Protein backbone atom coordinates (compact mmCIF):
# COMPACT_ATOMS: atom_id res chain seq x y z
CA MET A 1 89.69 -3.27 -30.51
CA MET A 2 91.46 -0.94 -28.00
CA GLY A 3 88.10 0.58 -26.89
CA LEU A 4 88.65 4.02 -28.80
CA ASN A 5 86.46 5.54 -31.17
CA ALA A 6 87.27 4.65 -34.93
CA GLY A 7 89.82 7.11 -36.31
CA HIS A 8 91.15 8.21 -32.77
CA VAL A 9 94.60 7.96 -34.15
CA THR A 10 94.28 7.00 -37.61
CA ALA A 11 92.29 10.13 -38.65
CA VAL A 12 94.93 12.58 -37.50
CA PRO A 13 96.33 14.41 -40.49
CA GLY A 14 100.01 14.15 -41.11
CA LEU A 15 100.62 11.39 -38.50
CA SER A 16 102.66 8.48 -39.98
CA ARG A 17 101.86 4.86 -39.53
CA THR A 18 104.92 4.61 -37.15
CA ALA A 19 103.73 7.65 -35.15
CA GLN A 20 100.20 6.21 -34.84
CA LEU A 21 101.69 2.76 -33.64
CA LYS A 22 103.84 4.57 -31.06
CA ALA A 23 100.93 6.68 -29.75
CA LEU A 24 98.68 3.60 -29.23
CA GLY A 25 101.67 1.72 -27.73
CA ASN A 26 102.27 4.34 -25.32
CA GLY A 27 98.40 4.84 -24.39
CA VAL A 28 96.47 3.27 -21.61
CA LEU A 29 93.45 1.18 -22.68
CA PRO A 30 90.34 3.16 -21.47
CA LEU A 31 88.57 -0.20 -20.27
CA GLN A 32 91.78 -1.21 -18.44
CA ALA A 33 92.14 2.25 -16.81
CA THR A 34 88.44 1.91 -15.81
CA ALA A 35 88.78 -1.49 -14.35
CA ALA A 36 91.78 -0.28 -12.24
CA LEU A 37 90.11 2.63 -10.92
CA HIS A 38 87.09 0.63 -9.89
CA LEU A 39 89.47 -1.68 -8.17
CA LEU A 40 91.20 1.02 -6.34
CA LEU A 41 88.03 2.71 -5.22
CA ASP A 42 86.61 -0.44 -4.00
CA ARG A 43 89.63 -1.14 -1.94
CA ALA A 44 89.71 2.60 -0.68
CA GLN A 45 86.18 2.18 0.49
CA SER A 46 86.51 -1.10 2.20
CA GLY A 47 89.44 -0.05 4.47
CA PRO A 48 92.55 -1.92 5.28
CA LYS A 49 92.46 -5.61 5.29
CA GLY A 50 92.02 -7.27 8.53
CA ALA A 51 90.56 -4.22 10.24
CA THR A 52 87.80 -4.80 12.60
CA ALA A 53 85.15 -2.33 13.90
């Protein structure tokens, strides 16, 4: 559901349910991070708004 492999957090031995939820809650979704990086790279490559050549 979050774009992580099955068992990414739940297959960690000794990690309680509370700790699993905390780890997921503090994480960045991989797909969301990818989208943000693409947006930032597009903006960086296009230069400042209103610039004329």
